[in-house]
Amino acid sequence: MQGSLPNTIDSTGTTPPPARVRVGYSGVLMSLKALAFLGDAAAILLGLVFAHWFRFQSGWITFGVDVLQPPGLREYAGLFAVGTLFLLALLAYAGIYHRSHLLRLRRTLAHIVRCAILWFVTYLGLSLALKFTPPISRIYAAISAIACTGILIGWRQLFHLVAQSSSLAPRLRQRVLFVGWNSETTKLHQSISIDPCHPYEIVGCVPSAESRFAVNPPFKVAKLGDYNDLPSLLRGRAADIVVVADLDPRMGEMIALANLCERHFVQFKVIPSYFQILVSGLELDTISGVPVLGISRLPLDGLVNRTVKRLIDIVGALVGLALSAPIYAWCAWKIRGEDPGPVFFGQERIGRNGQTFTMWKLRSMKVGSEKMDHVNQSTQREDPRVLNVGCTMRRWNLDETPQFWNVLVGDMSLVGPRPERTYHSERLSDEIPHYNARYTTKPGITGWAQIHGLRGDTDLVERVRYDLFYLENWSLLLDFQVMVMTFSQRKNAY
């Protein structure tokens, strides 16, 4: 059979030699991990000590119950230790010490901010519940969170300069060799090529066992020979990871290639061509002893996660409705003055599991504008139907505030994929793969796609991709990040 590898695991029939690890790779990796961990510990401890000085000794904060008898450094030493270890544990749980984060500064900084917020809330809550001695100052805890975040960000930027140095970065990146090439591989190549901080490097490709490529590789990607050259390539440590991108691999070839990679200590991965949706939810199960690969439960399928998210939605909706009252009054005055008619506007949208509901907004267009909604999926830039006050409302998302009521009654969530109108949803589900997967959770007032500018007249396929990322990677920290960024990210809001 052409391109067959049944007996080429080791063509000599003897045990292959031990894998030759790249010179200095493991040592450099462990050294940088240790440096990152120890540096973070020192930065957190410094932040906690600075917060103590700022709160109790600087004289700049003269209010609070503990100002008259401020605790000394020795009295707070235990809290310093607990606070440092707890925040380090959160950072480690977030994965920032994994080798894939050593070169990813922005991703690392985002994790630091989210962990600091969670640290502040949990640290203060534990201190009140467990009644630490001495009692922890709430002002001190807030200053500590800000100080630790600032110092960690500064330290990590310095660390990033070291990790990104020309002598270290190439030794930290994992080299990837593709077997075959398809459209998904092209996307991955583009993502790696434009990101100088990416932890992977594509060293080249070989054709599939059938001596073909589903899509021709880019000119810049080296072709390292034929499929039969893989044993010699892996013996020479040409790559750290082999990724099969062939759309129709033979079972025998897959097993032989997996065994080849295992014997040479090379990671073996497959682009799941049959599962181009909710890939991170894939799970291996067994039915009567037969292994079956399928889509597992998503984070928000769990009862605990749904309950916690619902409780936050209720609290957020009540606060949002209370704070929005002055906004309703001002907008109503401006809307009625510019175009007499109803202030609130209800529209049928698709919710969780395809159920319809009425979504409420402040009217930002002229009366009767909804009759033209079927023409475009979203409002166009400089749409003549939009009121003057409507431009301001849309720019600052004020027209969406009545949806706090939808959240309170359970039709929507604070964060989630944006709901679509019925007739547009039916059309888009036929045109865009996996579009209806967005409806496995409640739609949101804001979402991961929206804070990245994917709203209005933008790429719908890309918007769906961001919505699916949110569903696969949901966490409370991600929800809080989206809510905070909603107030500062207004790209394509019109």
Protein backbone atom coordinates (compact mmCIF):
# COMPACT_ATOMS: atom_id res chain seq x y z
CA MET A 1 0.00 0.00 0.00
CA GLN A 2 1.34 3.45 -0.95
CA GLY A 3 2.65 5.44 1.99
CA SER A 4 2.11 2.55 4.38
CA LEU A 5 3.79 2.53 7.79
CA PRO A 6 2.91 -0.94 9.12
CA ASN A 7 6.48 -1.91 9.88
CA THR A 8 8.31 1.38 9.72
CA ILE A 9 8.04 2.21 13.39
CA ASP A 10 11.66 1.18 13.40
CA SER A 11 12.80 -0.17 10.05
CA THR A 12 15.64 -2.14 11.65
CA GLY A 13 13.27 -4.14 13.83
CA THR A 14 15.21 -3.13 16.95
CA THR A 15 14.30 -0.90 19.84
CA PRO A 16 14.70 2.71 18.77
CA PRO A 17 17.29 4.84 20.55
CA PRO A 18 16.17 7.12 23.38
CA ALA A 19 14.65 10.38 22.20
CA ARG A 20 17.14 13.20 21.93
CA VAL A 21 15.53 16.14 23.65
CA ARG A 22 16.42 19.54 22.24
CA VAL A 23 19.53 20.82 23.94
CA GLY A 24 18.59 23.01 26.88
CA TYR A 25 14.84 22.82 26.28
CA SER A 26 13.83 21.06 29.51
CA GLY A 27 16.35 22.98 31.60
CA VAL A 28 15.31 26.36 30.23
CA LEU A 29 11.62 25.50 30.64
CA MET A 30 11.96 24.45 34.27
CA SER A 31 14.19 27.44 35.07
CA LEU A 32 11.70 29.91 33.60
CA LYS A 33 8.77 28.25 35.38
CA ALA A 34 10.64 28.48 38.67
CA LEU A 35 11.58 32.10 37.97
CA ALA A 36 7.97 32.98 37.14
CA PHE A 37 6.65 31.30 40.29
CA LEU A 38 9.22 32.80 42.65
CA GLY A 39 8.89 36.21 41.02
CA ASP A 40 5.10 36.09 41.40
CA ALA A 41 5.43 35.10 45.05
CA ALA A 42 7.80 38.01 45.71
CA ALA A 43 5.52 40.42 43.81
CA ILE A 44 2.44 39.36 45.78
CA LEU A 45 4.26 39.58 49.12
CA LEU A 46 5.59 43.02 48.18
CA GLY A 47 2.06 44.12 47.25
CA LEU A 48 0.67 42.93 50.59
CA VAL A 49 3.42 44.67 52.58
CA PHE A 50 3.02 47.87 50.55
CA ALA A 51 -0.75 47.80 51.15
CA HIS A 52 -0.10 47.49 54.91
CA TRP A 53 2.17 50.54 54.84
CA PHE A 54 -0.24 52.51 52.67
CA ARG A 55 -3.26 51.65 54.85
CA PHE A 56 -1.79 51.90 58.34
CA GLN A 57 1.45 53.87 58.27
CA SER A 58 1.38 56.38 55.43
CA GLY A 59 -1.18 58.60 57.17
CA TRP A 60 -3.07 59.10 53.91
CA ILE A 61 -6.13 57.09 55.02
CA THR A 62 -7.59 58.51 58.20
CA PHE A 63 -10.91 56.67 58.35
CA GLY A 64 -11.80 53.14 59.39
CA VAL A 65 -12.27 51.30 62.67
CA ASP A 66 -8.65 50.17 62.95
CA VAL A 67 -6.93 53.54 62.46
CA LEU A 68 -6.61 54.28 66.19
CA GLN A 69 -4.80 51.02 66.91
CA PRO A 70 -3.23 49.94 63.60
CA PRO A 71 -1.76 46.41 63.54
CA GLY A 72 1.95 46.07 62.96
CA LEU A 73 3.75 44.03 60.33
CA ARG A 74 4.29 41.15 62.77
CA GLU A 75 0.58 40.96 63.54
CA TYR A 76 -0.25 40.79 59.83
CA ALA A 77 2.53 38.30 58.99
CA GLY A 78 0.12 35.36 59.00
CA LEU A 79 -2.27 37.19 56.69
CA PHE A 80 0.65 37.97 54.36
CA ALA A 81 1.48 34.26 54.14
CA VAL A 82 -2.13 33.14 53.63
CA GLY A 83 -2.77 35.85 51.05
CA THR A 84 0.39 35.05 49.10
CA LEU A 85 -0.24 31.30 49.02
CA PHE A 86 -3.90 31.73 48.10
CA LEU A 87 -3.23 34.07 45.16
CA LEU A 88 -0.39 31.84 43.96
CA ALA A 89 -2.78 28.88 44.07
CA LEU A 90 -5.34 30.80 41.98
CA LEU A 91 -2.68 31.76 39.43
CA ALA A 92 -1.48 28.16 39.22
CA TYR A 93 -5.07 26.94 38.83
CA ALA A 94 -5.53 29.44 35.98
CA GLY A 95 -2.59 27.76 34.26
CA ILE A 96 -0.20 30.70 33.93
CA TYR A 97 2.77 28.49 34.80
CA HIS A 98 2.07 26.17 31.91
CA ARG A 99 4.67 26.41 29.16
CA SER A 100 2.04 27.68 26.70
CA HIS A 101 1.69 30.85 28.82
CA LEU A 102 5.37 31.69 29.20
CA LEU A 103 5.36 33.59 25.90
CA ARG A 104 1.73 34.83 26.00
CA LEU A 105 1.88 38.15 27.88
CA ARG A 106 -1.65 39.42 27.21
CA ARG A 107 -3.25 36.13 28.15
CA THR A 108 -1.18 35.95 31.33
CA LEU A 109 -2.07 39.52 32.35
CA ALA A 110 -5.77 38.81 31.78
CA HIS A 111 -5.53 35.79 34.09
CA ILE A 112 -3.75 37.91 36.71
CA VAL A 113 -6.53 40.51 36.73
CA ARG A 114 -9.29 37.89 36.95
CA CYS A 115 -7.51 35.98 39.71
CA ALA A 116 -6.89 39.18 41.69
CA ILE A 117 -10.60 40.02 41.60
CA LEU A 118 -11.54 36.52 42.75
CA TRP A 119 -8.77 36.64 45.37
CA PHE A 120 -10.11 39.89 46.83
CA VAL A 121 -13.70 38.64 47.08
CA THR A 122 -12.75 35.22 48.50
CA TYR A 123 -9.98 36.49 50.78
CA LEU A 124 -12.24 39.09 52.35
CA GLY A 125 -15.13 36.62 52.60
CA LEU A 126 -12.98 34.00 54.33
CA SER A 127 -11.60 36.54 56.75
CA LEU A 128 -15.12 37.53 57.79
CA ALA A 129 -16.34 33.94 57.99
CA LEU A 130 -13.31 32.53 59.82
CA LYS A 131 -12.72 35.66 61.93
CA PHE A 132 -8.99 36.03 61.34
CA THR A 133 -6.88 37.42 64.20
CA PRO A 134 -6.24 40.28 63.87
CA PRO A 135 -9.38 41.08 61.88
CA ILE A 136 -8.47 41.98 58.31
CA SER A 137 -9.21 45.52 57.19
CA ARG A 138 -11.54 45.68 54.17
CA ILE A 139 -9.74 48.80 52.97
CA TYR A 140 -6.44 46.94 53.30
CA ALA A 141 -7.82 44.01 51.28
CA ALA A 142 -8.91 46.35 48.47
CA ILE A 143 -5.55 48.14 48.41
CA SER A 144 -3.79 44.76 48.45
CA ALA A 145 -5.71 43.54 45.40
CA ILE A 146 -4.83 46.69 43.47
CA ALA A 147 -1.19 46.72 44.60
CA CYS A 148 -0.63 43.02 43.92
CA THR A 149 -2.21 43.33 40.47
CA GLY A 150 -0.07 46.34 39.56
CA ILE A 151 3.19 44.83 40.79
CA LEU A 152 2.45 41.46 39.17
CA ILE A 153 1.72 43.15 35.84
CA GLY A 154 4.95 45.13 36.02
CA TRP A 155 6.99 42.06 36.97
CA ARG A 156 5.40 39.90 34.29
CA GLN A 157 6.19 42.48 31.61
CA LEU A 158 9.83 42.33 32.67
CA PHE A 159 9.69 38.53 32.71
CA HIS A 160 8.17 38.56 29.22
CA LEU A 161 11.11 40.57 27.88
CA VAL A 162 13.44 37.86 29.19
CA ALA A 163 11.33 34.98 27.83
CA GLN A 164 10.96 36.70 24.44
CA SER A 165 14.71 37.19 24.02
CA SER A 166 16.13 35.80 20.79
CA SER A 167 18.13 33.17 22.68
CA LEU A 168 15.24 31.79 24.76
CA ALA A 169 12.01 32.09 22.73
CA PRO A 170 12.97 29.58 19.97
CA ARG A 171 13.88 27.01 22.63
CA LEU A 172 10.52 27.44 24.37
CA ARG A 173 8.34 27.02 21.29
CA GLN A 174 7.12 23.54 20.45
CA ARG A 175 7.75 22.55 16.84
CA VAL A 176 4.74 21.24 14.93
CA LEU A 177 4.80 18.99 11.86
CA PHE A 178 1.58 18.44 9.92
CA VAL A 179 0.60 15.28 8.09
CA GLY A 180 -1.68 16.50 5.32
CA TRP A 181 -3.10 20.01 5.05
CA ASN A 182 -6.66 21.33 5.16
CA SER A 183 -8.59 24.56 5.75
CA GLU A 184 -8.33 24.24 9.52
CA THR A 185 -4.56 23.87 9.21
CA THR A 186 -4.45 27.05 7.16
CA LYS A 187 -6.28 28.94 9.92
CA LEU A 188 -3.87 27.57 12.51
CA HIS A 189 -0.86 28.54 10.39
CA GLN A 190 -2.18 32.07 10.00
CA SER A 191 -2.80 32.38 13.74
CA ILE A 192 0.72 31.22 14.58
CA SER A 193 2.38 33.33 11.88
CA ILE A 194 0.91 36.66 12.99
CA ASP A 195 1.56 36.12 16.72
CA PRO A 196 5.21 36.54 17.72
CA CYS A 197 4.29 35.32 21.22
CA HIS A 198 2.76 32.05 20.05
CA PRO A 199 4.15 29.00 21.88
CA TYR A 200 4.18 26.87 18.72
CA GLU A 201 6.27 26.94 15.56
CA ILE A 202 5.30 25.15 12.34
CA VAL A 203 8.39 23.45 10.96
CA GLY A 204 6.74 21.98 7.88
CA CYS A 205 4.45 19.29 6.53
CA VAL A 206 4.35 16.02 4.64
CA PRO A 207 1.51 14.75 2.46
CA SER A 208 -0.95 12.17 3.74
CA ALA A 209 -0.52 8.43 3.27
CA GLU A 210 -2.32 8.85 -0.05
CA SER A 211 0.38 11.35 -1.14
CA ARG A 212 -2.04 14.25 -1.26
CA PHE A 213 -3.02 17.51 0.43
CA ALA A 214 -6.69 18.43 0.78
CA VAL A 215 -5.58 22.08 0.44
CA ASN A 216 -2.21 23.18 -0.91
CA PRO A 217 0.04 24.43 1.92
CA PRO A 218 1.21 28.06 1.81
CA PHE A 219 4.46 28.71 -0.04
CA LYS A 220 6.26 29.55 3.22
CA VAL A 221 5.52 26.15 4.78
CA ALA A 222 8.34 23.72 4.10
CA LYS A 223 7.52 20.33 2.59
CA LEU A 224 9.77 17.93 4.46
CA GLY A 225 9.47 14.99 2.10
CA ASP A 226 7.00 12.15 1.65
CA TYR A 227 4.87 10.29 4.15
CA ASN A 228 7.42 7.47 4.22
CA ASP A 229 10.05 9.93 5.46
CA LEU A 230 8.26 10.37 8.81
CA PRO A 231 10.27 7.70 10.69
CA SER A 232 13.58 9.33 9.81
CA LEU A 233 12.19 12.81 10.53
CA LEU A 234 11.04 11.80 14.00
CA ARG A 235 14.23 9.90 14.75
CA GLY A 236 16.05 13.13 13.99
CA ARG A 237 13.72 15.08 16.31
CA ALA A 238 12.44 17.29 13.52
CA ALA A 239 9.33 18.06 15.55
CA ASP A 240 7.87 17.92 19.06
CA ILE A 241 4.27 17.47 17.90
CA VAL A 242 2.79 15.67 14.89
CA VAL A 243 -0.70 16.79 13.88
CA VAL A 244 -2.72 14.72 11.42
CA ALA A 245 -4.76 17.01 9.17
CA ASP A 246 -5.77 14.37 6.63
CA LEU A 247 -9.53 14.37 6.08
CA ASP A 248 -9.73 10.62 5.40
CA PRO A 249 -6.93 8.71 7.15
CA ARG A 250 -6.88 4.93 7.09
CA MET A 251 -7.26 3.25 10.47
CA GLY A 252 -4.08 1.21 10.07
CA GLU A 253 -2.06 4.28 9.16
CA MET A 254 -3.38 6.23 12.14
CA ILE A 255 -2.43 3.46 14.55
CA ALA A 256 1.02 3.06 13.00
CA LEU A 257 1.66 6.81 13.10
CA ALA A 258 0.47 7.07 16.71
CA ASN A 259 2.81 4.23 17.67
CA LEU A 260 5.66 5.88 15.79
CA CYS A 261 5.18 9.13 17.70
CA GLU A 262 4.94 7.30 21.01
CA ARG A 263 8.21 5.43 20.47
CA HIS A 264 10.02 8.66 19.64
CA PHE A 265 8.44 10.66 22.49
CA VAL A 266 6.63 12.99 20.08
CA GLN A 267 3.12 14.19 20.85
CA PHE A 268 0.46 12.85 18.47
CA LYS A 269 -2.63 14.95 17.74
CA VAL A 270 -5.48 14.88 15.24
CA ILE A 271 -7.57 17.74 13.89
CA PRO A 272 -11.11 16.39 14.52
CA SER A 273 -12.61 16.87 11.07
CA TYR A 274 -15.90 15.28 12.13
CA PHE A 275 -16.27 17.52 15.18
CA GLN A 276 -15.89 21.13 14.05
CA ILE A 277 -18.16 22.28 16.88
CA LEU A 278 -17.69 22.42 20.63
CA VAL A 279 -14.37 20.62 20.22
CA SER A 280 -13.17 21.23 23.76
CA GLY A 281 -16.22 19.29 24.95
CA LEU A 282 -15.19 16.07 23.20
CA GLU A 283 -15.09 13.14 25.57
CA LEU A 284 -14.14 9.51 25.19
CA ASP A 285 -16.81 7.19 26.58
CA THR A 286 -17.50 3.48 26.32
CA ILE A 287 -20.69 1.67 25.35
CA SER A 288 -20.59 -2.06 26.09
CA GLY A 289 -16.82 -1.85 26.12
CA VAL A 290 -16.62 -0.05 22.77
CA PRO A 291 -14.88 3.38 22.87
CA VAL A 292 -17.10 6.16 21.54
CA LEU A 293 -16.05 9.77 20.96
CA GLY A 294 -18.73 12.39 21.37
CA ILE A 295 -19.57 15.84 22.68
CA SER A 296 -19.67 15.90 26.47
CA ARG A 297 -21.49 18.23 28.80
CA LEU A 298 -20.57 21.89 28.57
CA PRO A 299 -19.80 23.96 31.70
CA LEU A 300 -23.28 25.49 31.79
CA ASP A 301 -24.93 22.09 31.51
CA GLY A 302 -24.03 21.51 35.16
CA LEU A 303 -26.71 22.30 37.75
CA VAL A 304 -24.30 24.06 40.12
CA ASN A 305 -22.90 26.34 37.41
CA ARG A 306 -26.36 27.20 36.13
CA THR A 307 -27.59 27.94 39.65
CA VAL A 308 -24.65 30.21 40.47
CA LYS A 309 -25.01 32.03 37.15
CA ARG A 310 -28.74 32.46 37.75
CA LEU A 311 -28.19 33.92 41.23
CA ILE A 312 -25.71 36.43 39.82
CA ASP A 313 -28.20 37.26 37.06
CA ILE A 314 -30.95 37.99 39.58
CA VAL A 315 -28.75 40.24 41.72
CA GLY A 316 -27.32 41.98 38.65
CA ALA A 317 -30.77 42.49 37.13
CA LEU A 318 -32.17 44.06 40.31
CA VAL A 319 -29.18 46.40 40.60
CA GLY A 320 -29.32 47.17 36.88
CA LEU A 321 -33.03 48.05 36.96
CA ALA A 322 -32.54 50.32 39.96
CA LEU A 323 -29.58 52.15 38.42
CA SER A 324 -31.32 52.41 35.04
CA ALA A 325 -34.34 54.36 36.33
CA PRO A 326 -32.77 57.81 35.65
CA ILE A 327 -31.67 56.58 32.22
CA TYR A 328 -35.25 55.59 31.35
CA ALA A 329 -36.52 59.02 32.38
CA TRP A 330 -33.92 60.91 30.32
CA CYS A 331 -34.28 58.66 27.28
CA ALA A 332 -38.08 58.80 27.40
CA TRP A 333 -37.96 62.59 27.41
CA LYS A 334 -35.56 62.69 24.45
CA ILE A 335 -37.35 59.97 22.45
CA ARG A 336 -40.83 61.49 22.82
CA GLY A 337 -39.44 64.90 21.99
CA GLU A 338 -37.83 63.71 18.75
CA ASP A 339 -40.37 61.12 17.55
CA PRO A 340 -43.66 60.78 19.49
CA GLY A 341 -44.56 57.19 20.18
CA PRO A 342 -43.84 54.38 22.62
CA VAL A 343 -40.62 54.59 24.63
CA PHE A 344 -40.12 50.83 24.96
CA PHE A 345 -39.92 48.47 22.03
CA GLY A 346 -40.60 44.72 22.21
CA GLN A 347 -39.32 42.25 19.63
CA GLU A 348 -39.56 38.47 19.32
CA ARG A 349 -36.19 36.75 19.73
CA ILE A 350 -34.90 33.17 19.99
CA GLY A 351 -33.87 32.05 23.46
CA ARG A 352 -32.44 28.92 25.06
CA ASN A 353 -33.26 25.68 23.22
CA GLY A 354 -35.00 27.63 20.45
CA GLN A 355 -37.81 29.00 22.65
CA THR A 356 -39.10 32.43 21.63
CA PHE A 357 -39.55 35.38 23.99
CA THR A 358 -40.14 39.13 23.81
CA MET A 359 -36.94 41.10 24.24
CA TRP A 360 -37.36 44.70 25.44
CA LYS A 361 -35.32 47.72 24.37
CA LEU A 362 -35.59 51.48 24.54
CA ARG A 363 -36.82 52.62 21.13
CA SER A 364 -33.88 54.07 19.21
CA MET A 365 -35.53 54.26 15.77
CA LYS A 366 -38.48 56.01 14.24
CA VAL A 367 -41.92 54.46 14.75
CA GLY A 368 -42.56 51.70 12.21
CA SER A 369 -38.88 51.06 11.43
CA GLU A 370 -39.27 47.42 12.40
CA LYS A 371 -41.16 46.80 9.13
CA MET A 372 -37.81 46.93 7.33
CA ASP A 373 -35.98 44.61 9.74
CA HIS A 374 -36.21 41.69 7.34
CA VAL A 375 -33.99 43.49 4.80
CA ASN A 376 -30.78 43.33 6.86
CA GLN A 377 -29.70 41.03 9.67
CA SER A 378 -28.48 44.03 11.72
CA THR A 379 -28.66 47.81 11.72
CA GLN A 380 -26.42 49.41 9.10
CA ARG A 381 -23.97 52.21 9.82
CA GLU A 382 -25.66 55.64 9.48
CA ASP A 383 -29.08 53.99 9.13
CA PRO A 384 -31.58 56.83 8.42
CA ARG A 385 -34.16 55.13 10.67
CA VAL A 386 -32.06 55.74 13.80
CA LEU A 387 -33.06 58.76 15.91
CA ASN A 388 -30.45 61.32 16.94
CA VAL A 389 -30.83 60.27 20.55
CA GLY A 390 -30.79 56.68 19.30
CA CYS A 391 -27.19 57.10 18.12
CA THR A 392 -26.16 58.08 21.64
CA MET A 393 -28.18 55.28 23.18
CA ARG A 394 -26.67 52.67 20.88
CA ARG A 395 -23.16 54.03 21.31
CA TRP A 396 -23.36 53.58 25.09
CA ASN A 397 -25.66 50.50 25.02
CA LEU A 398 -28.38 52.45 26.85
CA ASP A 399 -31.07 51.01 24.59
CA GLU A 400 -30.31 47.54 25.97
CA THR A 401 -30.94 48.39 29.64
CA PRO A 402 -34.63 47.25 29.68
CA GLN A 403 -33.27 43.74 29.09
CA PHE A 404 -32.47 43.65 32.79
CA TRP A 405 -36.18 42.81 33.05
CA ASN A 406 -35.70 39.90 30.62
CA VAL A 407 -32.85 38.70 32.83
CA LEU A 408 -34.93 38.99 35.99
CA VAL A 409 -37.81 36.92 34.58
CA GLY A 410 -35.39 34.28 33.27
CA ASP A 411 -35.54 34.78 29.50
CA MET A 412 -31.98 36.09 29.29
CA SER A 413 -28.71 36.21 31.22
CA LEU A 414 -26.36 39.11 31.88
CA VAL A 415 -23.72 37.45 29.66
CA GLY A 416 -24.28 35.11 26.73
CA PRO A 417 -24.66 35.02 22.94
CA ARG A 418 -26.88 37.81 21.68
CA PRO A 419 -30.39 36.62 20.73
CA GLU A 420 -31.50 36.82 17.11
CA ARG A 421 -34.88 37.46 15.49
CA THR A 422 -36.82 34.38 14.41
CA TYR A 423 -36.74 34.80 10.65
CA HIS A 424 -33.07 35.78 10.60
CA SER A 425 -32.20 32.83 12.83
CA GLU A 426 -33.91 30.35 10.50
CA ARG A 427 -31.97 31.72 7.53
CA LEU A 428 -28.63 31.94 9.31
CA SER A 429 -28.89 28.40 10.70
CA ASP A 430 -28.96 27.15 7.09
CA GLU A 431 -26.07 29.38 5.97
CA ILE A 432 -23.66 29.22 8.94
CA PRO A 433 -22.44 25.89 10.34
CA HIS A 434 -23.20 25.32 14.03
CA TYR A 435 -25.23 28.56 14.29
CA ASN A 436 -27.95 26.98 16.44
CA ALA A 437 -25.37 25.70 18.93
CA ARG A 438 -25.49 29.22 20.38
CA TYR A 439 -28.93 28.41 21.78
CA THR A 440 -27.68 25.77 24.22
CA THR A 441 -27.60 28.54 26.84
CA LYS A 442 -29.62 31.66 27.58
CA PRO A 443 -28.86 34.68 25.40
CA GLY A 444 -27.19 37.62 27.08
CA ILE A 445 -27.37 41.41 27.29
CA THR A 446 -23.70 41.39 26.38
CA GLY A 447 -21.36 38.67 25.20
CA TRP A 448 -17.84 37.57 24.33
CA ALA A 449 -18.38 38.40 20.64
CA GLN A 450 -19.77 41.86 21.39
CA ILE A 451 -16.82 43.03 23.49
CA HIS A 452 -14.55 42.04 20.60
CA GLY A 453 -16.44 44.32 18.21
CA LEU A 454 -18.45 41.55 16.52
CA ARG A 455 -21.83 43.23 16.42
CA GLY A 456 -23.75 45.17 13.85
CA ASP A 457 -22.73 44.59 10.25
CA THR A 458 -19.74 42.31 10.97
CA ASP A 459 -18.61 38.77 10.08
CA LEU A 460 -21.35 36.43 11.33
CA VAL A 461 -19.20 33.31 11.02
CA GLU A 462 -16.56 34.90 13.25
CA ARG A 463 -19.27 36.00 15.69
CA VAL A 464 -20.54 32.43 15.98
CA ARG A 465 -16.97 31.23 16.57
CA TYR A 466 -16.62 33.64 19.51
CA ASP A 467 -20.00 32.58 20.90
CA LEU A 468 -18.95 28.92 20.79
CA PHE A 469 -15.68 29.79 22.52
CA TYR A 470 -17.71 31.35 25.34
CA LEU A 471 -19.90 28.24 25.68
CA GLU A 472 -16.90 25.92 25.82
CA ASN A 473 -14.84 28.05 28.19
CA TRP A 474 -17.50 29.54 30.49
CA SER A 475 -16.48 30.48 33.99
CA LEU A 476 -17.55 33.12 36.51
CA LEU A 477 -14.27 34.95 35.87
CA LEU A 478 -15.04 35.05 32.15
CA ASP A 479 -18.51 36.46 32.85
CA PHE A 480 -17.07 39.19 35.10
CA GLN A 481 -14.46 40.00 32.44
CA VAL A 482 -17.15 40.42 29.78
CA MET A 483 -19.28 42.62 32.06
CA VAL A 484 -16.34 44.89 32.91
CA MET A 485 -15.16 45.17 29.29
CA THR A 486 -18.69 45.98 28.09
CA PHE A 487 -18.33 49.49 29.52
CA SER A 488 -15.11 50.22 27.61
CA GLN A 489 -15.48 48.25 24.35
CA ARG A 490 -17.87 50.05 22.01
CA LYS A 491 -16.45 49.09 18.62
CA ASN A 492 -19.15 48.82 15.90
CA ALA A 493 -21.84 50.08 18.30
CA TYR A 494 -24.19 52.01 16.03
